[in-house]
Structure formats: structure tokens, C-alpha cells
């Protein structure tokens, strides 16, 4: 996910792909105004950064949100080792 800020107002048909919209301007149907911020996929961000028919950027990147990978805590590791030992002794 990528967090972006609108630098040029635009209307977006794929509005349902946006997440956590923070509106600065007046809230109008399917229109994003300068200063509005939201999160979107990399593909949509690329499109809005200029990979569109107009070849014009509509947003600027504020933050790249890393994909969280689940981590095992110490208890999970010990539990996993015990389960593995039990299976191998049978």
C-alpha cells in the first residue's frame, strides 16, 4: 500500500480501491480535491503518478506502507519444536 496526497483535483471511477481517505476539501461525490490524502495499491498509485492517458501526475507519494509479515514469538517457536519432536518419535 502507498499513502498519497492529491496535488491536482480529479474524479476517479475506481473510487472503491481507495482506503483511509482523509478529506481536506469539500466532500463531493467521487471527486478528490487538492490536499486530500488516501492509501491505495501500487498499481493505482502508478496510474495516478502519471502512468495514465493524460501522462500527468495527480498525486504525490507521502509514505510507502510495508506489507506486514507475521512473526513468530518465542512461545510459538517452542510449541512448534515440541510438535515436531512428538511427530518424529512416533
N, C-alpha and C. Protein backbone atom coordinates (compact mmCIF):
# COMPACT_ATOMS: atom_id res chain seq x y z
N UNK A 1 0.84 -1.19 0.00
CA UNK A 1 0.00 0.00 0.00
C UNK A 1 0.88 1.25 0.00
N UNK A 2 0.35 2.29 -0.60
CA UNK A 2 1.06 3.55 -0.69
C UNK A 2 0.13 4.67 -0.24
N UNK A 3 0.64 5.57 0.59
CA UNK A 3 -0.14 6.71 1.04
C UNK A 3 0.24 7.90 0.16
N UNK A 4 -0.78 8.57 -0.41
CA UNK A 4 -0.52 9.68 -1.32
C UNK A 4 -1.36 10.90 -0.94
N UNK A 5 -0.94 12.05 -1.47
CA UNK A 5 -1.68 13.30 -1.29
C UNK A 5 -2.02 13.85 -2.67
N UNK A 6 -3.24 14.32 -2.84
CA UNK A 6 -3.70 14.85 -4.12
C UNK A 6 -3.04 16.20 -4.39
N UNK A 7 -2.46 16.35 -5.60
CA UNK A 7 -1.85 17.63 -5.99
C UNK A 7 -2.66 18.31 -7.10
N UNK A 8 -3.59 17.54 -7.71
CA UNK A 8 -4.49 18.12 -8.70
C UNK A 8 -5.83 17.40 -8.58
N UNK A 9 -6.91 18.16 -8.38
CA UNK A 9 -8.23 17.55 -8.19
C UNK A 9 -8.59 16.66 -9.38
N UNK A 10 -9.26 15.55 -9.09
CA UNK A 10 -9.68 14.64 -10.15
C UNK A 10 -10.84 13.78 -9.68
N UNK A 11 -11.52 13.18 -10.64
CA UNK A 11 -12.59 12.24 -10.38
C UNK A 11 -12.06 10.86 -10.72
N UNK A 12 -12.37 9.90 -9.89
CA UNK A 12 -11.83 8.55 -10.09
C UNK A 12 -12.97 7.54 -10.11
N UNK A 13 -13.03 6.76 -11.18
CA UNK A 13 -14.06 5.72 -11.29
C UNK A 13 -13.78 4.57 -10.33
N UNK A 14 -12.50 4.29 -10.10
CA UNK A 14 -12.11 3.17 -9.24
C UNK A 14 -12.05 3.63 -7.77
N UNK A 15 -13.01 4.41 -7.33
CA UNK A 15 -13.02 5.01 -6.00
C UNK A 15 -13.00 3.97 -4.89
N UNK A 16 -13.60 2.80 -5.14
CA UNK A 16 -13.68 1.76 -4.10
C UNK A 16 -12.32 1.15 -3.79
N UNK A 17 -11.28 1.45 -4.61
CA UNK A 17 -9.94 0.93 -4.34
C UNK A 17 -9.17 1.78 -3.34
N UNK A 18 -9.70 2.94 -2.98
CA UNK A 18 -9.01 3.83 -2.05
C UNK A 18 -9.31 3.41 -0.62
N UNK A 19 -8.33 3.62 0.25
CA UNK A 19 -8.50 3.27 1.66
C UNK A 19 -8.13 4.47 2.53
N UNK A 20 -8.79 4.59 3.66
CA UNK A 20 -8.47 5.61 4.66
C UNK A 20 -8.38 7.02 4.07
N UNK A 21 -9.45 7.45 3.42
CA UNK A 21 -9.45 8.78 2.79
C UNK A 21 -9.57 9.86 3.87
N UNK A 22 -8.67 10.82 3.84
CA UNK A 22 -8.73 11.99 4.72
C UNK A 22 -8.97 13.18 3.82
N UNK A 23 -10.14 13.80 3.95
CA UNK A 23 -10.51 14.90 3.06
C UNK A 23 -10.18 16.24 3.69
N UNK A 24 -9.58 17.10 2.87
CA UNK A 24 -9.27 18.45 3.30
C UNK A 24 -10.30 19.39 2.68
N UNK A 25 -10.59 19.14 1.40
CA UNK A 25 -11.53 19.97 0.66
C UNK A 25 -12.96 19.52 0.90
N UNK A 26 -13.85 20.12 0.16
CA UNK A 26 -15.27 19.78 0.27
C UNK A 26 -15.47 18.36 -0.24
N UNK A 27 -16.27 17.58 0.47
CA UNK A 27 -16.52 16.19 0.10
C UNK A 27 -17.55 16.16 -1.02
N UNK A 28 -17.11 15.86 -2.24
CA UNK A 28 -18.03 15.74 -3.35
C UNK A 28 -17.99 14.31 -3.87
N UNK A 29 -19.07 13.89 -4.46
CA UNK A 29 -19.18 12.50 -4.91
C UNK A 29 -18.09 12.16 -5.93
N UNK A 30 -17.31 11.15 -5.59
CA UNK A 30 -16.24 10.62 -6.44
C UNK A 30 -15.21 11.64 -6.89
N UNK A 31 -15.06 12.76 -6.19
CA UNK A 31 -14.04 13.74 -6.55
C UNK A 31 -13.07 13.90 -5.40
N UNK A 32 -11.79 13.90 -5.74
CA UNK A 32 -10.76 14.14 -4.75
C UNK A 32 -10.17 15.51 -5.01
N UNK A 33 -9.98 16.27 -3.95
CA UNK A 33 -9.51 17.64 -4.06
C UNK A 33 -8.06 17.77 -3.58
N UNK A 34 -7.40 18.83 -4.00
CA UNK A 34 -6.03 19.09 -3.59
C UNK A 34 -5.95 19.05 -2.06
N UNK A 35 -4.97 18.30 -1.55
CA UNK A 35 -4.78 18.17 -0.11
C UNK A 35 -5.38 16.92 0.48
N UNK A 36 -6.35 16.30 -0.21
CA UNK A 36 -6.91 15.04 0.28
C UNK A 36 -5.81 13.99 0.29
N UNK A 37 -5.89 13.07 1.24
CA UNK A 37 -4.89 12.00 1.36
C UNK A 37 -5.61 10.67 1.43
N UNK A 38 -4.97 9.63 0.89
CA UNK A 38 -5.56 8.30 0.96
C UNK A 38 -4.49 7.25 0.70
N UNK A 39 -4.85 6.00 0.98
CA UNK A 39 -3.97 4.87 0.71
C UNK A 39 -4.51 4.11 -0.49
N UNK A 40 -3.62 3.56 -1.30
CA UNK A 40 -4.05 2.79 -2.46
C UNK A 40 -2.98 1.76 -2.81
N UNK A 41 -3.30 0.91 -3.78
CA UNK A 41 -2.34 -0.09 -4.23
C UNK A 41 -1.25 0.57 -5.06
N UNK A 42 -0.15 -0.14 -5.25
CA UNK A 42 0.96 0.38 -6.06
C UNK A 42 0.49 0.62 -7.49
N UNK A 43 -0.33 -0.28 -8.03
CA UNK A 43 -0.80 -0.15 -9.40
C UNK A 43 -1.61 1.13 -9.59
N UNK A 44 -2.50 1.42 -8.64
CA UNK A 44 -3.30 2.64 -8.74
C UNK A 44 -2.42 3.87 -8.54
N UNK A 45 -1.46 3.78 -7.62
CA UNK A 45 -0.54 4.90 -7.40
C UNK A 45 0.25 5.20 -8.66
N UNK A 46 0.73 4.15 -9.34
CA UNK A 46 1.47 4.35 -10.60
C UNK A 46 0.62 5.10 -11.61
N UNK A 47 -0.64 4.70 -11.71
CA UNK A 47 -1.58 5.35 -12.63
C UNK A 47 -1.73 6.84 -12.29
N UNK A 48 -1.92 7.11 -10.99
CA UNK A 48 -2.15 8.49 -10.54
C UNK A 48 -0.88 9.33 -10.56
N UNK A 49 0.28 8.68 -10.59
CA UNK A 49 1.56 9.39 -10.64
C UNK A 49 1.96 9.76 -12.07
N UNK A 50 1.14 9.39 -13.05
CA UNK A 50 1.42 9.81 -14.42
C UNK A 50 1.35 8.72 -15.46
N UNK A 51 1.12 7.48 -15.03
CA UNK A 51 1.01 6.38 -15.99
C UNK A 51 -0.45 6.28 -16.46
N UNK A 52 -1.00 7.43 -16.90
CA UNK A 52 -2.39 7.49 -17.32
C UNK A 52 -2.48 8.12 -18.72
N UNK A 53 -3.68 8.18 -19.26
CA UNK A 53 -3.87 8.71 -20.62
C UNK A 53 -3.35 10.13 -20.77
N UNK A 54 -3.47 10.92 -19.72
CA UNK A 54 -3.03 12.32 -19.78
C UNK A 54 -1.54 12.47 -19.52
N UNK A 55 -0.89 11.40 -19.04
CA UNK A 55 0.54 11.44 -18.69
C UNK A 55 0.83 12.57 -17.70
N UNK A 56 -0.10 12.75 -16.76
CA UNK A 56 0.01 13.84 -15.80
C UNK A 56 -0.15 13.30 -14.39
N UNK A 57 0.69 13.73 -13.45
CA UNK A 57 0.53 13.26 -12.07
C UNK A 57 -0.62 13.98 -11.37
N UNK A 58 -1.38 13.21 -10.60
CA UNK A 58 -2.49 13.77 -9.82
C UNK A 58 -2.21 13.70 -8.33
N UNK A 59 -1.20 12.93 -7.94
CA UNK A 59 -0.87 12.75 -6.53
C UNK A 59 0.64 12.78 -6.34
N UNK A 60 1.04 12.88 -5.07
CA UNK A 60 2.45 12.71 -4.72
C UNK A 60 2.50 11.69 -3.59
N UNK A 61 3.55 10.90 -3.56
CA UNK A 61 3.69 9.85 -2.55
C UNK A 61 4.11 10.48 -1.22
N UNK A 62 3.41 10.11 -0.17
CA UNK A 62 3.75 10.58 1.18
C UNK A 62 4.53 9.48 1.90
N UNK A 63 4.06 8.23 1.73
CA UNK A 63 4.64 7.13 2.51
C UNK A 63 4.37 5.81 1.80
N UNK A 64 5.35 4.93 1.83
CA UNK A 64 5.14 3.56 1.35
C UNK A 64 4.93 2.71 2.58
N UNK A 65 3.78 2.06 2.64
CA UNK A 65 3.40 1.27 3.80
C UNK A 65 3.85 -0.17 3.57
N UNK A 66 4.82 -0.66 4.36
CA UNK A 66 5.32 -2.03 4.14
C UNK A 66 4.25 -3.07 4.45
N UNK A 67 4.31 -4.15 3.70
CA UNK A 67 3.40 -5.27 3.95
C UNK A 67 3.91 -5.98 5.18
N UNK A 68 3.03 -6.15 6.15
CA UNK A 68 3.44 -6.80 7.39
C UNK A 68 3.46 -8.31 7.20
N UNK A 69 4.55 -8.91 7.61
CA UNK A 69 4.64 -10.36 7.58
C UNK A 69 4.48 -10.87 9.01
N UNK A 70 3.70 -11.91 9.17
CA UNK A 70 3.51 -12.42 10.53
C UNK A 70 4.83 -12.93 11.10
N UNK A 71 5.03 -12.63 12.37
CA UNK A 71 6.25 -13.09 13.02
C UNK A 71 5.88 -14.08 14.12
N UNK A 72 6.75 -15.02 14.32
CA UNK A 72 6.54 -16.00 15.39
C UNK A 72 7.18 -15.47 16.67
N UNK A 73 6.44 -15.59 17.76
CA UNK A 73 7.06 -15.22 19.03
C UNK A 73 7.71 -16.46 19.63
N UNK A 74 8.41 -16.30 20.72
CA UNK A 74 9.17 -17.39 21.34
C UNK A 74 8.28 -18.58 21.70
N UNK A 75 7.07 -18.33 22.20
CA UNK A 75 6.15 -19.41 22.59
C UNK A 75 5.79 -20.25 21.37
N UNK A 76 5.49 -19.58 20.25
CA UNK A 76 5.11 -20.30 19.03
C UNK A 76 6.26 -21.18 18.54
N UNK A 77 7.49 -20.69 18.64
CA UNK A 77 8.66 -21.44 18.19
C UNK A 77 8.84 -22.68 19.06
N UNK A 78 8.73 -22.52 20.39
CA UNK A 78 8.88 -23.66 21.30
C UNK A 78 7.78 -24.69 21.05
N UNK A 79 6.55 -24.21 20.85
CA UNK A 79 5.41 -25.09 20.61
C UNK A 79 5.63 -25.87 19.31
N UNK A 80 6.12 -25.20 18.29
CA UNK A 80 6.39 -25.83 17.00
C UNK A 80 7.46 -26.91 17.13
N UNK A 81 8.50 -26.65 17.91
CA UNK A 81 9.57 -27.62 18.12
C UNK A 81 9.04 -28.85 18.85
N UNK A 82 8.19 -28.65 19.86
CA UNK A 82 7.62 -29.77 20.62
C UNK A 82 6.76 -30.64 19.71
N UNK A 83 5.93 -30.01 18.89
CA UNK A 83 5.05 -30.74 17.98
C UNK A 83 5.86 -31.54 16.98
N UNK A 84 6.93 -30.97 16.47
CA UNK A 84 7.80 -31.65 15.53
C UNK A 84 8.48 -32.85 16.17
N UNK A 85 8.96 -32.71 17.41
CA UNK A 85 9.60 -33.82 18.12
C UNK A 85 8.62 -34.96 18.35
N UNK A 86 7.38 -34.65 18.76
CA UNK A 86 6.38 -35.68 19.03
C UNK A 86 6.09 -36.46 17.75
N UNK A 87 5.95 -35.77 16.63
CA UNK A 87 5.64 -36.44 15.37
C UNK A 87 6.80 -37.33 14.92
N UNK A 88 8.03 -36.89 15.13
CA UNK A 88 9.20 -37.66 14.66
C UNK A 88 9.49 -38.88 15.53
N UNK A 89 9.04 -38.90 16.79
CA UNK A 89 9.29 -40.05 17.67
C UNK A 89 8.29 -41.16 17.47
N UNK A 90 7.20 -40.89 16.81
CA UNK A 90 6.17 -41.91 16.62
C UNK A 90 6.50 -42.86 15.51
